[in-house]
Amino acid sequence: MDLQSPPRLDRLEDLRALKVDPGRLYSATHEEILGGWTTDIYFLKTRDVLRAAGRLDVPVTAEIFARQEGVFAGLGEVLSLLDRKGTDLAVEALPEGESFASKEVLVRIRGTYEAFGLYETVLLGMLASSTGWATAARRCVEAAEGLPVICFGSRHVHPAVAPVMERAAVVGGCVDASCILGAKLLGKDPKGTIPHAAILLAGDTVELARVYDGLLPEGEPRTVLVDTFKDEAEEALRVAEALGDRLSAVRLDTPGERGGVTPDLVREVRYRLNLAGYGHVAVLVSGGLSPDRIRLLAEAGAAGFGVGSYITHATPRDMTMDLKEVDGKPVAKRGRLPGPLPNERLKRVR
């Protein structure tokens, strides 16, 4: 079977043609997602049942909400999928990046159930994950109180979703992303320095810093890790003396085995750089940061933060889709209110 053009699922019998190469990567391709391969099986069964009952093409109104508050993200992907599913769909939604309350209506879709019903699983998953990541990013950004936060989270998630995660983090307020594809999807250039591996291979931080400085294009900030071989304050001064005014920042990423990046460490590095006349060199920090640690490190003199695991380990916001109108008549399952619920913050997006 040609995995570049997987069959699109329309009926339960289509599963007979669905064959999977056991040696493939486990993540779904875009074609497989659009083809319905990643939906729950009961939505495919539903198409057969409603088709047989003559009700598959009935016009409906569906609403999506989350049980927990958060920062809304994932709408871009939802709209990209719906754009391929039917020209008659009308969509209202909360703008991405907006905070929302528990059970507030986030998305309203109007159209035939046939046009989007199969993709309920996919739409909810897109919103649930992205909203969770955006919410965690916003907490870090608020803790930083105006200092920049960059997302360094790609290594903590499956590569298939790393660009999605980093996009959501920027929606949540991160100024940049390190994942190449994630940044490019946002129209940005990816941001990052150099890893410890480069310094270990070079054998000396200053030697590597000089080579790095010579290779970077003019105008790109020179930021160098200073925790690989020597005391962080000593290494920061060595690099500053070598690069002078060309050095933009040093980054502290001290491992937990050495106590991690502490407020006292940041305070000392900042003090010694100032004392030596390198007040222009910022102190950036990374490594297991959380909003609480960001606050403490900012008070100690940190000027920017690279956050990974706190964002990527965020709890997704459980999303629910309810049908609220069928053929123009208000409906609801027990425990829910029939008919569309008012939310003046929704904007027409499709």
C-alpha atoms as a PDB file:
ATOM      1  CA  MET A   1       0.000   0.000   0.000  1.00  0.00           C
ATOM      2  CA  ASP A   2       1.216   3.511  -0.792  1.00  0.00           C
ATOM      3  CA  LEU A   3       1.545   5.172   2.606  1.00  0.00           C
ATOM      4  CA  GLN A   4       1.808   8.578   0.946  1.00  0.00           C
ATOM      5  CA  SER A   5      -1.841   8.291  -0.166  1.00  0.00           C
ATOM      6  CA  PRO A   6      -3.689   6.357   2.542  1.00  0.00           C
ATOM      7  CA  PRO A   7      -7.367   5.598   1.951  1.00  0.00           C
ATOM      8  CA  ARG A   8      -9.831   8.060   3.444  1.00  0.00           C
ATOM      9  CA  LEU A   9     -12.255   6.430   5.808  1.00  0.00           C
ATOM     10  CA  ASP A  10     -15.934   6.906   5.066  1.00  0.00           C
ATOM     11  CA  ARG A  11     -17.558   3.607   6.056  1.00  0.00           C
ATOM     12  CA  LEU A  12     -16.720   0.826   8.457  1.00  0.00           C
ATOM     13  CA  GLU A  13     -15.964  -1.492   5.553  1.00  0.00           C
ATOM     14  CA  ASP A  14     -13.093   0.813   4.537  1.00  0.00           C
ATOM     15  CA  LEU A  15     -11.061  -0.623   7.411  1.00  0.00           C
ATOM     16  CA  ARG A  16     -10.437  -3.748   5.316  1.00  0.00           C
ATOM     17  CA  ALA A  17      -8.159  -1.718   3.032  1.00  0.00           C
ATOM     18  CA  LEU A  18      -6.259  -0.188   5.950  1.00  0.00           C
ATOM     19  CA  LYS A  19      -2.873  -1.894   6.227  1.00  0.00           C
ATOM     20  CA  VAL A  20       0.042  -0.658   8.298  1.00  0.00           C
ATOM     21  CA  ASP A  21       3.762  -1.236   7.757  1.00  0.00           C
ATOM     22  CA  PRO A  22       5.086  -2.590  11.095  1.00  0.00           C
ATOM     23  CA  GLY A  23       8.481  -1.009  10.411  1.00  0.00           C
ATOM     24  CA  ARG A  24       7.165   2.526  10.045  1.00  0.00           C
ATOM     25  CA  LEU A  25       7.431   5.392  12.532  1.00  0.00           C
ATOM     26  CA  TYR A  26       4.525   5.298  14.962  1.00  0.00           C
ATOM     27  CA  SER A  27       3.365   8.883  14.494  1.00  0.00           C
ATOM     28  CA  ALA A  28       0.516   9.592  12.107  1.00  0.00           C
ATOM     29  CA  THR A  29       1.182  11.424   8.854  1.00  0.00           C
ATOM     30  CA  HIS A  30      -0.861  14.466   7.882  1.00  0.00           C
ATOM     31  CA  GLU A  31      -2.590  12.363   5.233  1.00  0.00           C
ATOM     32  CA  GLU A  32      -3.552   9.731   7.801  1.00  0.00           C
ATOM     33  CA  ILE A  33      -4.978  12.364  10.156  1.00  0.00           C
ATOM     34  CA  LEU A  34      -7.005  13.918   7.350  1.00  0.00           C
ATOM     35  CA  GLY A  35      -8.056  10.463   6.213  1.00  0.00           C
ATOM     36  CA  GLY A  36      -9.650   9.716   9.572  1.00  0.00           C
ATOM     37  CA  TRP A  37      -7.105   7.131  10.751  1.00  0.00           C
ATOM     38  CA  THR A  38      -6.607   8.766  14.144  1.00  0.00           C
ATOM     39  CA  THR A  39     -10.260   9.141  15.121  1.00  0.00           C
ATOM     40  CA  ASP A  40     -12.070   6.856  17.550  1.00  0.00           C
ATOM     41  CA  ILE A  41     -13.732   3.932  15.792  1.00  0.00           C
ATOM     42  CA  TYR A  42     -17.195   4.804  17.087  1.00  0.00           C
ATOM     43  CA  PHE A  43     -17.285   7.954  14.982  1.00  0.00           C
ATOM     44  CA  LEU A  44     -16.756   5.851  11.863  1.00  0.00           C
ATOM     45  CA  LYS A  45     -19.553   3.522  12.968  1.00  0.00           C
ATOM     46  CA  THR A  46     -21.722   6.575  13.550  1.00  0.00           C
ATOM     47  CA  ARG A  47     -21.413   7.539   9.886  1.00  0.00           C
ATOM     48  CA  ASP A  48     -22.802   4.159   8.811  1.00  0.00           C
ATOM     49  CA  VAL A  49     -25.643   4.316  11.313  1.00  0.00           C
ATOM     50  CA  LEU A  50     -26.677   7.867  10.422  1.00  0.00           C
ATOM     51  CA  ARG A  51     -26.327   7.198   6.708  1.00  0.00           C
ATOM     52  CA  ALA A  52     -28.656   4.214   7.011  1.00  0.00           C
ATOM     53  CA  ALA A  53     -31.114   6.341   9.006  1.00  0.00           C
ATOM     54  CA  GLY A  54     -30.973   9.148   6.448  1.00  0.00           C
ATOM     55  CA  ARG A  55     -29.606  11.588   9.045  1.00  0.00           C
ATOM     56  CA  LEU A  56     -25.913  11.965   8.202  1.00  0.00           C
ATOM     57  CA  ASP A  57     -26.304  15.235   6.305  1.00  0.00           C
ATOM     58  CA  VAL A  58     -28.537  16.932   8.887  1.00  0.00           C
ATOM     59  CA  PRO A  59     -27.424  20.482   9.809  1.00  0.00           C
ATOM     60  CA  VAL A  60     -26.193  20.798  13.399  1.00  0.00           C
ATOM     61  CA  THR A  61     -24.537  23.221  15.785  1.00  0.00           C
ATOM     62  CA  ALA A  62     -21.683  21.884  17.912  1.00  0.00           C
ATOM     63  CA  GLU A  63     -19.892  23.621  20.760  1.00  0.00           C
ATOM     64  CA  ILE A  64     -16.526  22.848  22.352  1.00  0.00           C
ATOM     65  CA  PHE A  65     -15.615  23.710  25.936  1.00  0.00           C
ATOM     66  CA  ALA A  66     -13.006  22.767  28.552  1.00  0.00           C
ATOM     67  CA  ARG A  67     -13.715  21.825  32.143  1.00  0.00           C
ATOM     68  CA  GLN A  68     -10.673  23.720  33.438  1.00  0.00           C
ATOM     69  CA  GLU A  69      -9.605  27.302  32.862  1.00  0.00           C
ATOM     70  CA  GLY A  70      -6.622  27.947  30.629  1.00  0.00           C
ATOM     71  CA  VAL A  71      -5.114  29.797  27.674  1.00  0.00           C
ATOM     72  CA  PHE A  72      -6.721  28.882  24.353  1.00  0.00           C
ATOM     73  CA  ALA A  73      -4.496  27.457  21.594  1.00  0.00           C
ATOM     74  CA  GLY A  74      -4.704  24.993  18.709  1.00  0.00           C
ATOM     75  CA  LEU A  75      -7.295  26.866  16.651  1.00  0.00           C
ATOM     76  CA  GLY A  76      -4.985  27.265  13.668  1.00  0.00           C
ATOM     77  CA  GLU A  77      -4.695  23.509  13.208  1.00  0.00           C
ATOM     78  CA  VAL A  78      -8.423  23.004  13.740  1.00  0.00           C
ATOM     79  CA  LEU A  79      -9.230  25.505  11.012  1.00  0.00           C
ATOM     80  CA  SER A  80      -6.669  23.948   8.682  1.00  0.00           C
ATOM     81  CA  LEU A  81      -8.404  20.591   9.055  1.00  0.00           C
ATOM     82  CA  LEU A  82     -11.926  21.999   8.713  1.00  0.00           C
ATOM     83  CA  ASP A  83     -10.924  23.919   5.584  1.00  0.00           C
ATOM     84  CA  ARG A  84     -10.437  20.542   3.922  1.00  0.00           C
ATOM     85  CA  LYS A  85     -13.687  19.044   5.158  1.00  0.00           C
ATOM     86  CA  GLY A  86     -16.505  21.182   3.840  1.00  0.00           C
ATOM     87  CA  THR A  87     -17.142  24.637   2.439  1.00  0.00           C
ATOM     88  CA  ASP A  88     -20.494  24.952   4.235  1.00  0.00           C
ATOM     89  CA  LEU A  89     -19.013  24.968   7.735  1.00  0.00           C
ATOM     90  CA  ALA A  90     -19.266  28.184   9.765  1.00  0.00           C
ATOM     91  CA  VAL A  91     -16.945  28.512  12.752  1.00  0.00           C
ATOM     92  CA  GLU A  92     -16.821  30.953  15.662  1.00  0.00           C
ATOM     93  CA  ALA A  93     -14.012  30.739  18.191  1.00  0.00           C
ATOM     94  CA  LEU A  94     -12.195  32.449  20.990  1.00  0.00           C
ATOM     95  CA  PRO A  95      -8.982  34.078  19.654  1.00  0.00           C
ATOM     96  CA  GLU A  96      -5.825  32.092  20.363  1.00  0.00           C
ATOM     97  CA  GLY A  97      -3.871  33.338  23.341  1.00  0.00           C
ATOM     98  CA  GLU A  98      -6.998  34.423  25.248  1.00  0.00           C
ATOM     99  CA  SER A  99      -7.551  33.178  28.785  1.00  0.00           C
ATOM    100  CA  PHE A 100     -10.864  31.417  29.376  1.00  0.00           C
ATOM    101  CA  ALA A 101     -12.996  30.177  32.246  1.00  0.00           C
ATOM    102  CA  SER A 102     -14.157  26.660  33.045  1.00  0.00           C
ATOM    103  CA  LYS A 103     -16.945  25.522  30.680  1.00  0.00           C
ATOM    104  CA  GLU A 104     -16.774  28.705  28.596  1.00  0.00           C
ATOM    105  CA  VAL A 105     -17.660  28.000  24.952  1.00  0.00           C
ATOM    106  CA  LEU A 106     -14.413  28.061  22.973  1.00  0.00           C
ATOM    107  CA  VAL A 107     -15.495  26.938  19.495  1.00  0.00           C
ATOM    108  CA  ARG A 108     -18.888  26.801  17.774  1.00  0.00           C
ATOM    109  CA  ILE A 109     -19.271  24.889  14.490  1.00  0.00           C
ATOM    110  CA  ARG A 110     -22.336  25.043  12.256  1.00  0.00           C
ATOM    111  CA  GLY A 111     -22.825  22.749   9.263  1.00  0.00           C
ATOM    112  CA  THR A 112     -23.814  19.230   8.376  1.00  0.00           C
ATOM    113  CA  TYR A 113     -22.692  16.537  10.779  1.00  0.00           C
ATOM    114  CA  GLU A 114     -21.279  14.655   7.788  1.00  0.00           C
ATOM    115  CA  ALA A 115     -18.757  17.453   7.182  1.00  0.00           C
ATOM    116  CA  PHE A 116     -16.967  17.228  10.539  1.00  0.00           C
ATOM    117  CA  GLY A 117     -18.431  14.569  12.856  1.00  0.00           C
ATOM    118  CA  LEU A 118     -15.801  11.940  12.026  1.00  0.00           C
ATOM    119  CA  TYR A 119     -13.079  14.300  13.270  1.00  0.00           C
ATOM    120  CA  GLU A 120     -14.377  15.015  16.774  1.00  0.00           C
ATOM    121  CA  THR A 121     -11.505  13.028  18.323  1.00  0.00           C
ATOM    122  CA  VAL A 122      -8.934  14.871  16.234  1.00  0.00           C
ATOM    123  CA  LEU A 123     -10.311  18.356  16.844  1.00  0.00           C
ATOM    124  CA  LEU A 124     -10.527  17.855  20.591  1.00  0.00           C
ATOM    125  CA  GLY A 125      -7.024  16.385  20.744  1.00  0.00           C
ATOM    126  CA  MET A 126      -5.555  19.312  18.827  1.00  0.00           C
ATOM    127  CA  LEU A 127      -7.143  21.804  21.209  1.00  0.00           C
ATOM    128  CA  ALA A 128      -6.517  19.833  24.410  1.00  0.00           C
ATOM    129  CA  SER A 129      -2.760  19.468  23.942  1.00  0.00           C
ATOM    130  CA  SER A 130      -2.054  22.936  22.565  1.00  0.00           C
ATOM    131  CA  THR A 131      -4.160  24.629  25.225  1.00  0.00           C
ATOM    132  CA  GLY A 132      -2.341  22.754  27.992  1.00  0.00           C
ATOM    133  CA  TRP A 133       1.049  23.822  26.641  1.00  0.00           C
ATOM    134  CA  ALA A 134      -0.045  27.426  26.108  1.00  0.00           C
ATOM    135  CA  THR A 135      -1.413  27.584  29.653  1.00  0.00           C
ATOM    136  CA  ALA A 136       1.873  26.385  31.154  1.00  0.00           C
ATOM    137  CA  ALA A 137       3.846  28.818  29.009  1.00  0.00           C
ATOM    138  CA  ARG A 138       1.655  31.705  30.158  1.00  0.00           C
ATOM    139  CA  ARG A 139       2.372  30.872  33.806  1.00  0.00           C
ATOM    140  CA  CYS A 140       6.098  31.067  33.116  1.00  0.00           C
ATOM    141  CA  VAL A 141       5.749  34.315  31.186  1.00  0.00           C
ATOM    142  CA  GLU A 142       3.707  35.898  33.968  1.00  0.00           C
ATOM    143  CA  ALA A 143       6.314  34.799  36.520  1.00  0.00           C
ATOM    144  CA  ALA A 144       9.066  36.418  34.418  1.00  0.00           C
ATOM    145  CA  GLU A 145       7.251  39.787  34.579  1.00  0.00           C
ATOM    146  CA  GLY A 146       8.410  41.088  31.202  1.00  0.00           C
ATOM    147  CA  LEU A 147      11.719  39.240  30.949  1.00  0.00           C
ATOM    148  CA  PRO A 148      11.920  36.971  27.873  1.00  0.00           C
ATOM    149  CA  VAL A 149      11.013  33.288  28.053  1.00  0.00           C
ATOM    150  CA  ILE A 150      12.130  30.942  25.265  1.00  0.00           C
ATOM    151  CA  CYS A 151      10.685  27.461  24.783  1.00  0.00           C
ATOM    152  CA  PHE A 152      13.350  24.733  24.899  1.00  0.00           C
ATOM    153  CA  GLY A 153      10.906  21.839  25.149  1.00  0.00           C
ATOM    154  CA  SER A 154      11.333  19.806  21.977  1.00  0.00           C
ATOM    155  CA  ARG A 155      13.535  17.149  23.566  1.00  0.00           C
ATOM    156  CA  HIS A 156      10.785  16.323  26.062  1.00  0.00           C
ATOM    157  CA  VAL A 157       8.061  15.342  23.579  1.00  0.00           C
ATOM    158  CA  HIS A 158       7.692  13.087  20.561  1.00  0.00           C
ATOM    159  CA  PRO A 159       9.223  14.809  17.513  1.00  0.00           C
ATOM    160  CA  ALA A 160       5.950  14.540  15.619  1.00  0.00           C
ATOM    161  CA  VAL A 161       4.335  17.030  18.007  1.00  0.00           C
ATOM    162  CA  ALA A 162       7.367  19.152  18.936  1.00  0.00           C
ATOM    163  CA  PRO A 163       6.462  21.909  16.426  1.00  0.00           C
ATOM    164  CA  VAL A 164       2.863  21.909  17.689  1.00  0.00           C
ATOM    165  CA  MET A 165       4.071  22.264  21.279  1.00  0.00           C
ATOM    166  CA  GLU A 166       6.465  25.090  20.537  1.00  0.00           C
ATOM    167  CA  ARG A 167       3.836  26.951  18.517  1.00  0.00           C
ATOM    168  CA  ALA A 168       1.457  26.672  21.467  1.00  0.00           C
ATOM    169  CA  ALA A 169       4.171  27.932  23.825  1.00  0.00           C
ATOM    170  CA  VAL A 170       4.598  31.068  21.722  1.00  0.00           C
ATOM    171  CA  VAL A 171       0.814  31.538  21.647  1.00  0.00           C
ATOM    172  CA  GLY A 172       1.066  31.370  25.436  1.00  0.00           C
ATOM    173  CA  GLY A 173       3.623  34.175  25.474  1.00  0.00           C
ATOM    174  CA  CYS A 174       7.099  32.720  24.905  1.00  0.00           C
ATOM    175  CA  VAL A 175       9.092  35.112  22.745  1.00  0.00           C
ATOM    176  CA  ASP A 176      10.836  32.419  20.711  1.00  0.00           C
ATOM    177  CA  ALA A 177      11.165  28.689  20.110  1.00  0.00           C
ATOM    178  CA  SER A 178      14.239  26.511  19.604  1.00  0.00           C
ATOM    179  CA  CYS A 179      12.587  23.860  17.388  1.00  0.00           C
ATOM    180  CA  ILE A 180      13.392  24.728  13.782  1.00  0.00           C
ATOM    181  CA  LEU A 181      10.052  23.699  12.289  1.00  0.00           C
ATOM    182  CA  GLY A 182       8.065  25.101  15.201  1.00  0.00           C
ATOM    183  CA  ALA A 183       9.662  28.522  14.782  1.00  0.00           C
ATOM    184  CA  LYS A 184       9.297  28.508  10.992  1.00  0.00           C
ATOM    185  CA  LEU A 185       5.582  27.707  11.258  1.00  0.00           C
ATOM    186  CA  LEU A 186       5.292  30.887  13.311  1.00  0.00           C
ATOM    187  CA  GLY A 187       7.209  32.938  10.757  1.00  0.00           C
ATOM    188  CA  LYS A 188      10.135  33.211  13.173  1.00  0.00           C
ATOM    189  CA  ASP A 189      13.782  32.219  13.146  1.00  0.00           C
ATOM    190  CA  PRO A 190      14.572  29.501  15.716  1.00  0.00           C
ATOM    191  CA  LYS A 191      16.555  30.688  18.713  1.00  0.00           C
ATOM    192  CA  GLY A 192      19.203  28.844  20.709  1.00  0.00           C
ATOM    193  CA  THR A 193      22.868  28.886  21.636  1.00  0.00           C
ATOM    194  CA  ILE A 194      25.269  25.929  21.547  1.00  0.00           C
ATOM    195  CA  PRO A 195      25.078  22.700  23.570  1.00  0.00           C
ATOM    196  CA  HIS A 196      27.495  21.326  26.110  1.00  0.00           C
ATOM    197  CA  ALA A 197      28.498  18.721  23.517  1.00  0.00           C
ATOM    198  CA  ALA A 198      30.136  21.391  21.349  1.00  0.00           C
ATOM    199  CA  ILE A 199      32.166  22.705  24.296  1.00  0.00           C
ATOM    200  CA  LEU A 200      33.172  19.195  25.381  1.00  0.00           C
ATOM    201  CA  LEU A 201      34.374  18.407  21.878  1.00  0.00           C
ATOM    202  CA  ALA A 202      36.291  21.690  21.625  1.00  0.00           C
ATOM    203  CA  GLY A 203      37.913  21.044  24.992  1.00  0.00           C
ATOM    204  CA  ASP A 204      37.673  24.618  26.259  1.00  0.00           C
ATOM    205  CA  THR A 205      34.765  27.062  26.577  1.00  0.00           C
ATOM    206  CA  VAL A 206      36.740  30.114  25.512  1.00  0.00           C
ATOM    207  CA  GLU A 207      38.182  28.362  22.461  1.00  0.00           C
ATOM    208  CA  LEU A 208      34.713  27.311  21.391  1.00  0.00           C
ATOM    209  CA  ALA A 209      33.332  30.805  22.086  1.00  0.00           C
ATOM    210  CA  ARG A 210      35.894  32.379  19.760  1.00  0.00           C
ATOM    211  CA  VAL A 211      35.043  29.960  16.939  1.00  0.00           C
ATOM    212  CA  TYR A 212      31.325  30.474  17.551  1.00  0.00           C
ATOM    213  CA  ASP A 213      31.750  34.244  17.438  1.00  0.00           C
ATOM    214  CA  GLY A 214      33.615  33.997  14.141  1.00  0.00           C
ATOM    215  CA  LEU A 215      30.921  31.880  12.499  1.00  0.00           C
ATOM    216  CA  LEU A 216      27.771  33.705  13.599  1.00  0.00           C
ATOM    217  CA  PRO A 217      26.425  36.388  11.250  1.00  0.00           C
ATOM    218  CA  GLU A 218      26.699  39.969  12.391  1.00  0.00           C
ATOM    219  CA  GLY A 219      23.732  41.082  14.427  1.00  0.00           C
ATOM    220  CA  GLU A 220      23.000  37.685  15.954  1.00  0.00           C
ATOM    221  CA  PRO A 221      23.484  37.700  19.733  1.00  0.00           C
ATOM    222  CA  ARG A 222      26.489  35.805  21.096  1.00  0.00           C
ATOM    223  CA  THR A 223      25.344  33.705  24.050  1.00  0.00           C
ATOM    224  CA  VAL A 224      27.699  31.132  25.560  1.00  0.00           C
ATOM    225  CA  LEU A 225      27.189  28.366  28.133  1.00  0.00           C
ATOM    226  CA  VAL A 226      29.560  28.774  31.078  1.00  0.00           C
ATOM    227  CA  ASP A 227      28.977  25.704  33.262  1.00  0.00           C
ATOM    228  CA  THR A 228      30.797  22.940  31.374  1.00  0.00           C
ATOM    229  CA  PHE A 229      34.351  22.794  32.752  1.00  0.00           C
ATOM    230  CA  LYS A 230      34.978  25.461  35.374  1.00  0.00           C
ATOM    231  CA  ASP A 231      33.254  27.482  38.062  1.00  0.00           C
ATOM    232  CA  GLU A 232      30.447  29.426  36.389  1.00  0.00           C
ATOM    233  CA  ALA A 233      31.587  32.851  37.578  1.00  0.00           C
ATOM    234  CA  GLU A 234      35.189  32.169  36.507  1.00  0.00           C
ATOM    235  CA  GLU A 235      34.102  30.860  33.118  1.00  0.00           C
ATOM    236  CA  ALA A 236      31.758  33.803  32.568  1.00  0.00           C
ATOM    237  CA  LEU A 237      34.642  36.218  33.116  1.00  0.00           C
ATOM    238  CA  ARG A 238      36.973  34.254  30.821  1.00  0.00           C
ATOM    239  CA  VAL A 239      34.416  34.338  27.999  1.00  0.00           C
ATOM    240  CA  ALA A 240      33.637  38.013  28.589  1.00  0.00           C
ATOM    241  CA  GLU A 241      37.343  38.899  28.438  1.00  0.00           C
ATOM    242  CA  ALA A 242      37.726  36.932  25.202  1.00  0.00           C
ATOM    243  CA  LEU A 243      34.702  38.376  23.361  1.00  0.00           C
ATOM    244  CA  GLY A 244      34.380  41.789  25.023  1.00  0.00           C
ATOM    245  CA  ASP A 245      31.560  43.921  23.674  1.00  0.00           C
ATOM    246  CA  ARG A 246      30.586  41.172  21.228  1.00  0.00           C
ATOM    247  CA  LEU A 247      29.336  38.919  24.016  1.00  0.00           C
ATOM    248  CA  SER A 248      25.598  39.371  24.580  1.00  0.00           C
ATOM    249  CA  ALA A 249      24.960  36.881  27.360  1.00  0.00           C
ATOM    250  CA  VAL A 250      26.179  33.896  29.293  1.00  0.00           C
ATOM    251  CA  ARG A 251      23.838  31.004  30.016  1.00  0.00           C
ATOM    252  CA  LEU A 252      23.731  28.985  33.231  1.00  0.00           C
ATOM    253  CA  ASP A 253      22.452  25.427  32.945  1.00  0.00           C
ATOM    254  CA  THR A 254      24.177  23.868  35.947  1.00  0.00           C
ATOM    255  CA  PRO A 255      23.012  20.243  36.411  1.00  0.00           C
ATOM    256  CA  GLY A 256      21.202  19.014  39.476  1.00  0.00           C
ATOM    257  CA  GLU A 257      24.252  16.967  40.448  1.00  0.00           C
ATOM    258  CA  ARG A 258      25.959  20.296  41.131  1.00  0.00           C
ATOM    259  CA  GLY A 259      22.961  21.892  42.787  1.00  0.00           C
ATOM    260  CA  GLY A 260      21.355  23.358  39.678  1.00  0.00           C
ATOM    261  CA  VAL A 261      21.030  27.047  38.952  1.00  0.00           C
ATOM    262  CA  THR A 262      20.419  28.796  42.279  1.00  0.00           C
ATOM    263  CA  PRO A 263      19.623  32.433  43.078  1.00  0.00           C
ATOM    264  CA  ASP A 264      22.983  32.730  44.846  1.00  0.00           C
ATOM    265  CA  LEU A 265      24.806  31.491  41.739  1.00  0.00           C
ATOM    266  CA  VAL A 266      22.975  33.960  39.497  1.00  0.00           C
ATOM    267  CA  ARG A 267      23.638  36.748  41.966  1.00  0.00           C
ATOM    268  CA  GLU A 268      27.367  35.976  42.088  1.00  0.00           C
ATOM    269  CA  VAL A 269      27.809  35.718  38.320  1.00  0.00           C
ATOM    270  CA  ARG A 270      25.895  38.964  37.834  1.00  0.00           C
ATOM    271  CA  TYR A 271      27.944  40.721  40.528  1.00  0.00           C
ATOM    272  CA  ARG A 272      31.333  39.569  39.199  1.00  0.00           C
ATOM    273  CA  LEU A 273      30.474  40.530  35.622  1.00  0.00           C
ATOM    274  CA  ASN A 274      29.419  43.993  36.784  1.00  0.00           C
ATOM    275  CA  LEU A 275      32.559  44.375  38.911  1.00  0.00           C
ATOM    276  CA  ALA A 276      34.763  43.524  35.920  1.00  0.00           C
ATOM    277  CA  GLY A 277      33.019  46.045  33.665  1.00  0.00           C
ATOM    278  CA  TYR A 278      30.785  43.629  31.758  1.00  0.00           C
ATOM    279  CA  GLY A 279      27.432  44.988  32.835  1.00  0.00           C
ATOM    280  CA  HIS A 280      26.193  44.644  29.227  1.00  0.00           C
ATOM    281  CA  VAL A 281      26.465  40.830  29.423  1.00  0.00           C
ATOM    282  CA  ALA A 282      23.096  39.349  30.408  1.00  0.00           C
ATOM    283  CA  VAL A 283      22.748  36.232  32.557  1.00  0.00           C
ATOM    284  CA  LEU A 284      20.320  33.738  31.035  1.00  0.00           C
ATOM    285  CA  VAL A 285      19.246  30.575  32.838  1.00  0.00           C
ATOM    286  CA  SER A 286      17.756  27.218  31.910  1.00  0.00           C
ATOM    287  CA  GLY A 287      17.336  23.753  33.355  1.00  0.00           C
ATOM    288  CA  GLY A 288      14.201  22.489  35.100  1.00  0.00           C
ATOM    289  CA  LEU A 289      12.644  25.911  35.500  1.00  0.00           C
ATOM    290  CA  SER A 290       9.167  26.474  36.918  1.00  0.00           C
ATOM    291  CA  PRO A 291       7.243  29.695  37.576  1.00  0.00           C
ATOM    292  CA  ASP A 292       8.371  29.716  41.219  1.00  0.00           C
ATOM    293  CA  ARG A 293      12.033  29.290  40.273  1.00  0.00           C
ATOM    294  CA  ILE A 294      11.725  31.906  37.549  1.00  0.00           C
ATOM    295  CA  ARG A 295      10.542  34.449  40.117  1.00  0.00           C
ATOM    296  CA  LEU A 296      13.459  33.716  42.441  1.00  0.00           C
ATOM    297  CA  LEU A 297      16.064  33.771  39.687  1.00  0.00           C
ATOM    298  CA  ALA A 298      14.684  36.993  38.219  1.00  0.00           C
ATOM    299  CA  GLU A 299      15.002  38.658  41.613  1.00  0.00           C
ATOM    300  CA  ALA A 300      18.633  37.471  41.731  1.00  0.00           C
ATOM    301  CA  GLY A 301      19.468  39.094  38.380  1.00  0.00           C
ATOM    302  CA  ALA A 302      18.584  36.600  35.635  1.00  0.00           C
ATOM    303  CA  ALA A 303      17.582  38.397  32.437  1.00  0.00           C
ATOM    304  CA  GLY A 304      15.932  35.597  30.478  1.00  0.00           C
ATOM    305  CA  PHE A 305      14.783  32.018  30.774  1.00  0.00           C
ATOM    306  CA  GLY A 306      14.837  28.862  28.666  1.00  0.00           C
ATOM    307  CA  VAL A 307      11.952  26.620  29.734  1.00  0.00           C
ATOM    308  CA  GLY A 308      11.385  23.058  28.578  1.00  0.00           C
ATOM    309  CA  SER A 309       9.892  20.394  30.819  1.00  0.00           C
ATOM    310  CA  TYR A 310       7.479  22.638  32.716  1.00  0.00           C
ATOM    311  CA  ILE A 311       5.744  23.496  29.428  1.00  0.00           C
ATOM    312  CA  THR A 312       5.924  20.070  27.835  1.00  0.00           C
ATOM    313  CA  HIS A 313       4.734  18.258  30.974  1.00  0.00           C
ATOM    314  CA  ALA A 314       1.643  20.432  31.210  1.00  0.00           C
ATOM    315  CA  THR A 315      -1.679  18.701  31.751  1.00  0.00           C
ATOM    316  CA  PRO A 316      -3.830  18.918  28.602  1.00  0.00           C
ATOM    317  CA  ARG A 317      -7.132  20.714  29.028  1.00  0.00           C
ATOM    318  CA  ASP A 318      -9.855  18.102  28.556  1.00  0.00           C
ATOM    319  CA  MET A 319     -12.099  19.301  25.734  1.00  0.00           C
ATOM    320  CA  THR A 320     -15.708  18.269  25.140  1.00  0.00           C
ATOM    321  CA  MET A 321     -17.822  18.694  22.007  1.00  0.00           C
ATOM    322  CA  ASP A 322     -21.596  18.792  22.438  1.00  0.00           C
ATOM    323  CA  LEU A 323     -24.288  18.963  19.781  1.00  0.00           C
ATOM    324  CA  LYS A 324     -26.531  21.907  20.780  1.00  0.00           C
ATOM    325  CA  GLU A 325     -28.822  22.088  17.750  1.00  0.00           C
ATOM    326  CA  VAL A 326     -30.048  19.426  15.335  1.00  0.00           C
ATOM    327  CA  ASP A 327     -31.968  20.558  12.267  1.00  0.00           C
ATOM    328  CA  GLY A 328     -32.460  23.952  13.885  1.00  0.00           C
ATOM    329  CA  LYS A 329     -33.937  22.594  17.128  1.00  0.00           C
ATOM    330  CA  PRO A 330     -32.185  23.038  20.508  1.00  0.00           C
ATOM    331  CA  VAL A 331     -30.908  19.742  21.960  1.00  0.00           C
ATOM    332  CA  ALA A 332     -28.616  18.546  24.738  1.00  0.00           C
ATOM    333  CA  LYS A 333     -27.719  15.384  26.600  1.00  0.00           C
ATOM    334  CA  ARG A 334     -28.873  15.174  30.204  1.00  0.00           C
ATOM    335  CA  GLY A 335     -26.991  17.562  32.477  1.00  0.00           C
ATOM    336  CA  ARG A 336     -26.275  20.066  29.688  1.00  0.00           C
ATOM    337  CA  LEU A 337     -28.289  23.077  28.560  1.00  0.00           C
ATOM    338  CA  PRO A 338     -29.933  22.765  25.119  1.00  0.00           C
ATOM    339  CA  GLY A 339     -29.189  25.299  22.405  1.00  0.00           C
ATOM    340  CA  PRO A 340     -26.087  27.427  21.781  1.00  0.00           C
ATOM    341  CA  LEU A 341     -24.727  29.081  24.909  1.00  0.00           C
ATOM    342  CA  PRO A 342     -23.942  32.812  24.703  1.00  0.00           C
ATOM    343  CA  ASN A 343     -20.331  33.972  24.580  1.00  0.00           C
ATOM    344  CA  GLU A 344     -19.774  37.467  23.213  1.00  0.00           C
ATOM    345  CA  ARG A 345     -16.007  36.826  23.017  1.00  0.00           C
ATOM    346  CA  LEU A 346     -16.374  34.382  20.109  1.00  0.00           C
ATOM    347  CA  LYS A 347     -15.262  35.715  16.718  1.00  0.00           C
ATOM    348  CA  ARG A 348     -16.280  34.444  13.292  1.00  0.00           C
ATOM    349  CA  VAL A 349     -13.165  32.694  11.926  1.00  0.00           C
ATOM    350  CA  ARG A 350     -14.629  30.709   9.036  1.00  0.00           C
END
